[in-house]
Amino acid sequence: MTTIERILITAPNAAFSAESIAGNVDLLTQILIFLPIKSLLKFKSVSKHWLSLISDPNFYCKSCGNPRSRWDTYCRIKIYSSATGGLWRPVGNRFSVLEVDKLMFDSRVFWNGAVYWISRSETSLRFDIEEELLRETPMPLIPGGWEPSTVRYFGESHGHLNMINFYLPRRIEFDVYEIESDCSGWFMKYRVDLFGVLGAFPEMIRSYLDPLDMDYYGF
């Protein structure tokens, strides 16, 4: 069993009082994003509301734009084994989240002796369990003229690692990818066009929604 441990390395302290604007979420957010990390970590204990606000991923993204509140966050992989007495054993060197800020840690699959993650960039990562090594894995290339994709499926199927991508703006088409046996890249196994399905079942078009809405089509 493997896990990802996140380690925060904080910046110098700075004091700030926000009692007078605690009820104004927008104003409070604009003030807090300019504070150093050490202060933000302390302010998490002010109230459940402040804890929720500062822990929100959107707040994290906004605060990363402020040099004073740079989140120096690192990750380290740990392995759990009954052979170690039920302890989590750290392996390898820690790596910066800032370097892999587009990595989707929640989208993970164990396949062929390794844990794979997907990414919103051109490169993702996999962790080889046997060798205890972190390796880079390329993501599928975006077809020319299309915008970045939405991954609708990532998992193992009949012994193969597959990914299904919908690309903008034509969300009635999707590609089914399969990773190469040596993990050097992905090849497109199928391209599915659902235009004919919409013609046969026009009720699947949710015309009351914006055409750019991901739920505009009922599939």
C-alpha atoms as a PDB file:
ATOM      1  CA  MET A   1       0.000   0.000   0.000  1.00  0.00           C
ATOM      2  CA  THR A   2       1.341   3.441  -0.875  1.00  0.00           C
ATOM      3  CA  THR A   3       0.415   6.957   0.153  1.00  0.00           C
ATOM      4  CA  ILE A   4       1.496  10.523  -0.591  1.00  0.00           C
ATOM      5  CA  GLU A   5       2.593  12.658   2.336  1.00  0.00           C
ATOM      6  CA  ARG A   6       2.506  16.429   1.908  1.00  0.00           C
ATOM      7  CA  ILE A   7       4.961  18.559   3.866  1.00  0.00           C
ATOM      8  CA  LEU A   8       4.531  22.304   4.273  1.00  0.00           C
ATOM      9  CA  ILE A   9       7.638  24.446   4.657  1.00  0.00           C
ATOM     10  CA  THR A  10       6.490  27.785   5.940  1.00  0.00           C
ATOM     11  CA  ALA A  11       7.678  31.332   5.398  1.00  0.00           C
ATOM     12  CA  PRO A  12       8.438  34.014   8.100  1.00  0.00           C
ATOM     13  CA  ASN A  13       5.625  35.129  10.379  1.00  0.00           C
ATOM     14  CA  ALA A  14       3.516  38.278  10.024  1.00  0.00           C
ATOM     15  CA  ALA A  15       0.688  39.436  12.286  1.00  0.00           C
ATOM     16  CA  PHE A  16      -2.669  40.597  11.028  1.00  0.00           C
ATOM     17  CA  SER A  17      -6.101  41.149  12.532  1.00  0.00           C
ATOM     18  CA  ALA A  18      -9.255  40.553  10.496  1.00  0.00           C
ATOM     19  CA  GLU A  19     -11.918  40.732  13.206  1.00  0.00           C
ATOM     20  CA  SER A  20     -13.740  43.688  11.643  1.00  0.00           C
ATOM     21  CA  ILE A  21     -14.238  41.990   8.256  1.00  0.00           C
ATOM     22  CA  ALA A  22     -14.579  38.346   9.345  1.00  0.00           C
ATOM     23  CA  GLY A  23     -18.108  38.156   7.974  1.00  0.00           C
ATOM     24  CA  ASN A  24     -17.205  39.401   4.488  1.00  0.00           C
ATOM     25  CA  VAL A  25     -15.873  36.345   2.641  1.00  0.00           C
ATOM     26  CA  ASP A  26     -14.693  38.164  -0.504  1.00  0.00           C
ATOM     27  CA  LEU A  27     -12.902  40.905   1.402  1.00  0.00           C
ATOM     28  CA  LEU A  28     -11.456  38.438   3.893  1.00  0.00           C
ATOM     29  CA  THR A  29     -10.081  36.314   1.044  1.00  0.00           C
ATOM     30  CA  GLN A  30      -8.460  39.312  -0.653  1.00  0.00           C
ATOM     31  CA  ILE A  31      -6.682  40.189   2.606  1.00  0.00           C
ATOM     32  CA  LEU A  32      -5.606  36.686   3.585  1.00  0.00           C
ATOM     33  CA  ILE A  33      -3.990  35.828   0.238  1.00  0.00           C
ATOM     34  CA  PHE A  34      -1.358  38.502   0.914  1.00  0.00           C
ATOM     35  CA  LEU A  35      -0.258  36.985   4.210  1.00  0.00           C
ATOM     36  CA  PRO A  36       2.717  34.671   4.774  1.00  0.00           C
ATOM     37  CA  ILE A  37       1.980  30.972   5.112  1.00  0.00           C
ATOM     38  CA  LYS A  38       2.910  30.789   8.791  1.00  0.00           C
ATOM     39  CA  SER A  39       0.241  33.352   9.614  1.00  0.00           C
ATOM     40  CA  LEU A  40      -2.342  31.506   7.508  1.00  0.00           C
ATOM     41  CA  LEU A  41      -1.615  28.250   9.313  1.00  0.00           C
ATOM     42  CA  LYS A  42      -2.218  29.989  12.631  1.00  0.00           C
ATOM     43  CA  PHE A  43      -5.418  31.628  11.396  1.00  0.00           C
ATOM     44  CA  LYS A  44      -6.872  28.197  10.616  1.00  0.00           C
ATOM     45  CA  SER A  45      -7.560  27.864  14.340  1.00  0.00           C
ATOM     46  CA  VAL A  46      -9.577  31.118  14.521  1.00  0.00           C
ATOM     47  CA  SER A  47     -12.836  29.392  13.549  1.00  0.00           C
ATOM     48  CA  LYS A  48     -14.276  26.578  11.435  1.00  0.00           C
ATOM     49  CA  HIS A  49     -15.166  29.201   8.811  1.00  0.00           C
ATOM     50  CA  TRP A  50     -11.570  30.391   8.536  1.00  0.00           C
ATOM     51  CA  LEU A  51     -10.319  26.797   8.496  1.00  0.00           C
ATOM     52  CA  SER A  52     -12.642  25.965   5.599  1.00  0.00           C
ATOM     53  CA  LEU A  53     -11.702  29.129   3.696  1.00  0.00           C
ATOM     54  CA  ILE A  54      -7.924  28.760   4.015  1.00  0.00           C
ATOM     55  CA  SER A  55      -8.045  25.013   3.272  1.00  0.00           C
ATOM     56  CA  ASP A  56     -10.039  25.519   0.081  1.00  0.00           C
ATOM     57  CA  PRO A  57      -8.054  24.605  -3.112  1.00  0.00           C
ATOM     58  CA  ASN A  58      -9.256  27.828  -4.788  1.00  0.00           C
ATOM     59  CA  PHE A  59      -7.723  29.851  -1.957  1.00  0.00           C
ATOM     60  CA  TYR A  60      -4.479  27.903  -2.408  1.00  0.00           C
ATOM     61  CA  CYS A  61      -4.356  28.780  -6.116  1.00  0.00           C
ATOM     62  CA  LYS A  62      -4.922  32.476  -5.415  1.00  0.00           C
ATOM     63  CA  SER A  63      -2.301  32.621  -2.667  1.00  0.00           C
ATOM     64  CA  CYS A  64       0.309  30.997  -4.922  1.00  0.00           C
ATOM     65  CA  GLY A  65       0.333  34.207  -6.959  1.00  0.00           C
ATOM     66  CA  ASN A  66       1.638  36.137  -3.971  1.00  0.00           C
ATOM     67  CA  PRO A  67       5.439  35.792  -3.478  1.00  0.00           C
ATOM     68  CA  ARG A  68       5.088  36.409   0.269  1.00  0.00           C
ATOM     69  CA  SER A  69       2.696  33.520   0.685  1.00  0.00           C
ATOM     70  CA  ARG A  70       4.420  30.992  -1.550  1.00  0.00           C
ATOM     71  CA  TRP A  71       3.357  27.474  -0.577  1.00  0.00           C
ATOM     72  CA  ASP A  72       6.622  25.538  -0.521  1.00  0.00           C
ATOM     73  CA  THR A  73       4.896  22.177  -0.492  1.00  0.00           C
ATOM     74  CA  TYR A  74       6.699  18.911  -0.922  1.00  0.00           C
ATOM     75  CA  CYS A  75       5.511  15.335  -1.244  1.00  0.00           C
ATOM     76  CA  ARG A  76       7.056  12.082  -0.205  1.00  0.00           C
ATOM     77  CA  ILE A  77       5.828   8.590  -0.973  1.00  0.00           C
ATOM     78  CA  LYS A  78       5.388   6.126   1.872  1.00  0.00           C
ATOM     79  CA  ILE A  79       4.830   2.360   1.689  1.00  0.00           C
ATOM     80  CA  TYR A  80       2.855   0.372   4.226  1.00  0.00           C
ATOM     81  CA  SER A  81       3.771  -3.249   4.841  1.00  0.00           C
ATOM     82  CA  SER A  82       3.005  -5.724   7.614  1.00  0.00           C
ATOM     83  CA  ALA A  83       6.681  -6.722   7.404  1.00  0.00           C
ATOM     84  CA  THR A  84       7.624  -3.326   8.891  1.00  0.00           C
ATOM     85  CA  GLY A  85       5.392  -3.793  11.903  1.00  0.00           C
ATOM     86  CA  GLY A  86       2.470  -1.818  10.515  1.00  0.00           C
ATOM     87  CA  LEU A  87       4.505   1.352   9.988  1.00  0.00           C
ATOM     88  CA  TRP A  88       4.602   3.668   6.958  1.00  0.00           C
ATOM     89  CA  ARG A  89       8.100   3.589   5.506  1.00  0.00           C
ATOM     90  CA  PRO A  90       9.207   6.669   3.494  1.00  0.00           C
ATOM     91  CA  VAL A  91      10.930   5.874   0.188  1.00  0.00           C
ATOM     92  CA  GLY A  92      12.866   8.017  -2.261  1.00  0.00           C
ATOM     93  CA  ASN A  93      13.415  11.729  -2.126  1.00  0.00           C
ATOM     94  CA  ARG A  94      10.680  14.259  -1.569  1.00  0.00           C
ATOM     95  CA  PHE A  95       9.531  16.209  -4.616  1.00  0.00           C
ATOM     96  CA  SER A  96       8.021  19.662  -4.975  1.00  0.00           C
ATOM     97  CA  VAL A  97       4.314  20.005  -5.670  1.00  0.00           C
ATOM     98  CA  LEU A  98       5.118  23.261  -7.455  1.00  0.00           C
ATOM     99  CA  GLU A  99       6.913  21.164 -10.062  1.00  0.00           C
ATOM    100  CA  VAL A 100       3.893  18.889 -10.558  1.00  0.00           C
ATOM    101  CA  ASP A 101       1.103  21.314  -9.666  1.00  0.00           C
ATOM    102  CA  LYS A 102      -1.071  19.870 -12.435  1.00  0.00           C
ATOM    103  CA  LEU A 103      -0.767  16.324 -11.154  1.00  0.00           C
ATOM    104  CA  MET A 104      -4.138  14.851 -10.137  1.00  0.00           C
ATOM    105  CA  PHE A 105      -3.257  12.893  -6.988  1.00  0.00           C
ATOM    106  CA  ASP A 106      -6.854  11.713  -6.536  1.00  0.00           C
ATOM    107  CA  SER A 107      -6.830  10.021  -9.977  1.00  0.00           C
ATOM    108  CA  ARG A 108      -4.625   7.010  -9.403  1.00  0.00           C
ATOM    109  CA  VAL A 109      -4.571   3.443 -10.686  1.00  0.00           C
ATOM    110  CA  PHE A 110      -2.463   0.434  -9.708  1.00  0.00           C
ATOM    111  CA  TRP A 111      -1.438  -1.446 -12.837  1.00  0.00           C
ATOM    112  CA  ASN A 112       1.431  -3.727 -13.814  1.00  0.00           C
ATOM    113  CA  GLY A 113       3.317  -3.270 -10.544  1.00  0.00           C
ATOM    114  CA  ALA A 114       3.102   0.526 -10.357  1.00  0.00           C
ATOM    115  CA  VAL A 115       0.806   3.313  -9.187  1.00  0.00           C
ATOM    116  CA  TYR A 116      -0.084   5.697 -12.024  1.00  0.00           C
ATOM    117  CA  TRP A 117      -1.382   9.252 -11.817  1.00  0.00           C
ATOM    118  CA  ILE A 118      -2.746  11.483 -14.565  1.00  0.00           C
ATOM    119  CA  SER A 119      -1.868  15.111 -15.125  1.00  0.00           C
ATOM    120  CA  ARG A 120      -3.181  18.251 -16.789  1.00  0.00           C
ATOM    121  CA  SER A 121       0.242  18.763 -18.388  1.00  0.00           C
ATOM    122  CA  GLU A 122       2.218  16.785 -20.962  1.00  0.00           C
ATOM    123  CA  THR A 123       3.911  14.598 -18.350  1.00  0.00           C
ATOM    124  CA  SER A 124       2.611  12.632 -15.393  1.00  0.00           C
ATOM    125  CA  LEU A 125       4.178  10.276 -12.850  1.00  0.00           C
ATOM    126  CA  ARG A 126       4.137   6.626 -11.876  1.00  0.00           C
ATOM    127  CA  PHE A 127       5.659   4.898  -8.859  1.00  0.00           C
ATOM    128  CA  ASP A 128       7.255   1.492  -9.404  1.00  0.00           C
ATOM    129  CA  ILE A 129       6.452  -0.590  -6.305  1.00  0.00           C
ATOM    130  CA  GLU A 130       9.149  -3.251  -6.827  1.00  0.00           C
ATOM    131  CA  GLU A 131      12.001  -0.846  -7.588  1.00  0.00           C
ATOM    132  CA  GLU A 132      10.608   1.924  -5.332  1.00  0.00           C
ATOM    133  CA  LEU A 133      11.289   4.523  -7.996  1.00  0.00           C
ATOM    134  CA  LEU A 134       9.262   7.488  -9.205  1.00  0.00           C
ATOM    135  CA  ARG A 135       9.252   7.742 -12.998  1.00  0.00           C
ATOM    136  CA  GLU A 136       7.805  10.152 -15.539  1.00  0.00           C
ATOM    137  CA  THR A 137       5.004   9.010 -17.832  1.00  0.00           C
ATOM    138  CA  PRO A 138       3.890  11.026 -20.892  1.00  0.00           C
ATOM    139  CA  MET A 139       0.261  12.013 -21.273  1.00  0.00           C
ATOM    140  CA  PRO A 140      -1.602  11.608 -24.611  1.00  0.00           C
ATOM    141  CA  LEU A 141      -0.955  14.420 -27.077  1.00  0.00           C
ATOM    142  CA  ILE A 142      -3.805  16.869 -27.706  1.00  0.00           C
ATOM    143  CA  PRO A 143      -5.038  16.661 -31.333  1.00  0.00           C
ATOM    144  CA  GLY A 144      -4.256  19.733 -33.449  1.00  0.00           C
ATOM    145  CA  GLY A 145      -6.825  22.526 -33.178  1.00  0.00           C
ATOM    146  CA  TRP A 146      -8.451  21.052 -30.081  1.00  0.00           C
ATOM    147  CA  GLU A 147      -8.349  22.341 -26.532  1.00  0.00           C
ATOM    148  CA  PRO A 148      -7.167  20.444 -23.427  1.00  0.00           C
ATOM    149  CA  SER A 149      -9.205  17.397 -22.593  1.00  0.00           C
ATOM    150  CA  THR A 150     -11.448  16.212 -19.810  1.00  0.00           C
ATOM    151  CA  VAL A 151     -10.543  12.734 -18.619  1.00  0.00           C
ATOM    152  CA  ARG A 152     -13.749  10.760 -18.166  1.00  0.00           C
ATOM    153  CA  TYR A 153     -12.154   7.391 -17.414  1.00  0.00           C
ATOM    154  CA  PHE A 154      -8.759   6.237 -16.189  1.00  0.00           C
ATOM    155  CA  GLY A 155      -8.320   2.625 -15.191  1.00  0.00           C
ATOM    156  CA  GLU A 156      -7.445  -0.966 -15.963  1.00  0.00           C
ATOM    157  CA  SER A 157      -9.502  -2.964 -18.434  1.00  0.00           C
ATOM    158  CA  HIS A 158      -8.754  -6.573 -19.437  1.00  0.00           C
ATOM    159  CA  GLY A 159      -5.139  -6.252 -18.337  1.00  0.00           C
ATOM    160  CA  HIS A 160      -4.538  -2.919 -20.102  1.00  0.00           C
ATOM    161  CA  LEU A 161      -4.329   0.634 -18.786  1.00  0.00           C
ATOM    162  CA  ASN A 162      -6.835   2.861 -20.585  1.00  0.00           C
ATOM    163  CA  MET A 163      -7.912   6.483 -20.611  1.00  0.00           C
ATOM    164  CA  ILE A 164     -10.958   8.132 -22.193  1.00  0.00           C
ATOM    165  CA  ASN A 165     -10.581  11.796 -23.158  1.00  0.00           C
ATOM    166  CA  PHE A 166     -13.203  14.281 -24.297  1.00  0.00           C
ATOM    167  CA  TYR A 167     -11.718  17.290 -26.114  1.00  0.00           C
ATOM    168  CA  LEU A 168     -13.140  20.765 -26.542  1.00  0.00           C
ATOM    169  CA  PRO A 169     -14.973  22.092 -28.416  1.00  0.00           C
ATOM    170  CA  ARG A 170     -16.293  18.836 -29.971  1.00  0.00           C
ATOM    171  CA  ARG A 171     -17.539  17.045 -26.868  1.00  0.00           C
ATOM    172  CA  ILE A 172     -19.574  14.610 -28.944  1.00  0.00           C
ATOM    173  CA  GLU A 173     -16.335  12.806 -29.815  1.00  0.00           C
ATOM    174  CA  PHE A 174     -14.005  11.025 -27.451  1.00  0.00           C
ATOM    175  CA  ASP A 175     -10.778   9.069 -27.779  1.00  0.00           C
ATOM    176  CA  VAL A 176      -9.959   5.807 -26.046  1.00  0.00           C
ATOM    177  CA  TYR A 177      -6.228   5.530 -25.326  1.00  0.00           C
ATOM    178  CA  GLU A 178      -4.110   2.592 -24.227  1.00  0.00           C
ATOM    179  CA  ILE A 179      -0.652   2.901 -22.752  1.00  0.00           C
ATOM    180  CA  GLU A 180       2.304   1.239 -24.483  1.00  0.00           C
ATOM    181  CA  SER A 181       3.637  -1.900 -22.825  1.00  0.00           C
ATOM    182  CA  ASP A 182       6.901  -0.082 -22.003  1.00  0.00           C
ATOM    183  CA  CYS A 183       5.000   3.011 -20.747  1.00  0.00           C
ATOM    184  CA  SER A 184       6.757   5.177 -23.349  1.00  0.00           C
ATOM    185  CA  GLY A 185       3.487   6.742 -24.485  1.00  0.00           C
ATOM    186  CA  TRP A 186      -0.163   6.248 -25.323  1.00  0.00           C
ATOM    187  CA  PHE A 187      -1.764   5.160 -28.575  1.00  0.00           C
ATOM    188  CA  MET A 188      -5.313   5.920 -29.645  1.00  0.00           C
ATOM    189  CA  LYS A 189      -7.267   2.662 -29.801  1.00  0.00           C
ATOM    190  CA  TYR A 190     -10.651   4.083 -30.737  1.00  0.00           C
ATOM    191  CA  ARG A 191     -12.213   7.413 -31.713  1.00  0.00           C
ATOM    192  CA  VAL A 192     -15.934   7.452 -30.988  1.00  0.00           C
ATOM    193  CA  ASP A 193     -18.293   9.943 -32.649  1.00  0.00           C
ATOM    194  CA  LEU A 194     -21.666  10.266 -30.914  1.00  0.00           C
ATOM    195  CA  PHE A 195     -23.213  12.581 -33.523  1.00  0.00           C
ATOM    196  CA  GLY A 196     -25.362   9.752 -34.880  1.00  0.00           C
ATOM    197  CA  VAL A 197     -26.609   8.981 -31.383  1.00  0.00           C
ATOM    198  CA  LEU A 198     -27.791  12.581 -30.973  1.00  0.00           C
ATOM    199  CA  GLY A 199     -29.622  12.345 -34.305  1.00  0.00           C
ATOM    200  CA  ALA A 200     -31.458   9.235 -33.164  1.00  0.00           C
ATOM    201  CA  PHE A 201     -32.111  10.531 -29.657  1.00  0.00           C
ATOM    202  CA  PRO A 202     -32.380  14.365 -29.804  1.00  0.00           C
ATOM    203  CA  GLU A 203     -33.780  14.392 -26.261  1.00  0.00           C
ATOM    204  CA  MET A 204     -30.204  13.790 -25.080  1.00  0.00           C
ATOM    205  CA  ILE A 205     -29.451  17.437 -25.961  1.00  0.00           C
ATOM    206  CA  ARG A 206     -30.185  19.537 -22.895  1.00  0.00           C
ATOM    207  CA  SER A 207     -31.063  22.716 -24.750  1.00  0.00           C
ATOM    208  CA  TYR A 208     -31.858  24.544 -21.517  1.00  0.00           C
ATOM    209  CA  LEU A 209     -28.141  24.512 -20.680  1.00  0.00           C
ATOM    210  CA  ASP A 210     -25.293  26.485 -22.193  1.00  0.00           C
ATOM    211  CA  PRO A 211     -23.723  24.487 -25.087  1.00  0.00           C
ATOM    212  CA  LEU A 212     -20.360  24.872 -23.345  1.00  0.00           C
ATOM    213  CA  ASP A 213     -21.706  23.217 -20.192  1.00  0.00           C
ATOM    214  CA  MET A 214     -20.139  19.788 -19.647  1.00  0.00           C
ATOM    215  CA  ASP A 215     -23.647  18.376 -19.025  1.00  0.00           C
ATOM    216  CA  TYR A 216     -25.143  19.827 -22.216  1.00  0.00           C
ATOM    217  CA  TYR A 217     -25.290  16.324 -23.696  1.00  0.00           C
ATOM    218  CA  GLY A 218     -26.935  13.539 -21.739  1.00  0.00           C
ATOM    219  CA  PHE A 219     -24.111  11.035 -21.978  1.00  0.00           C
END
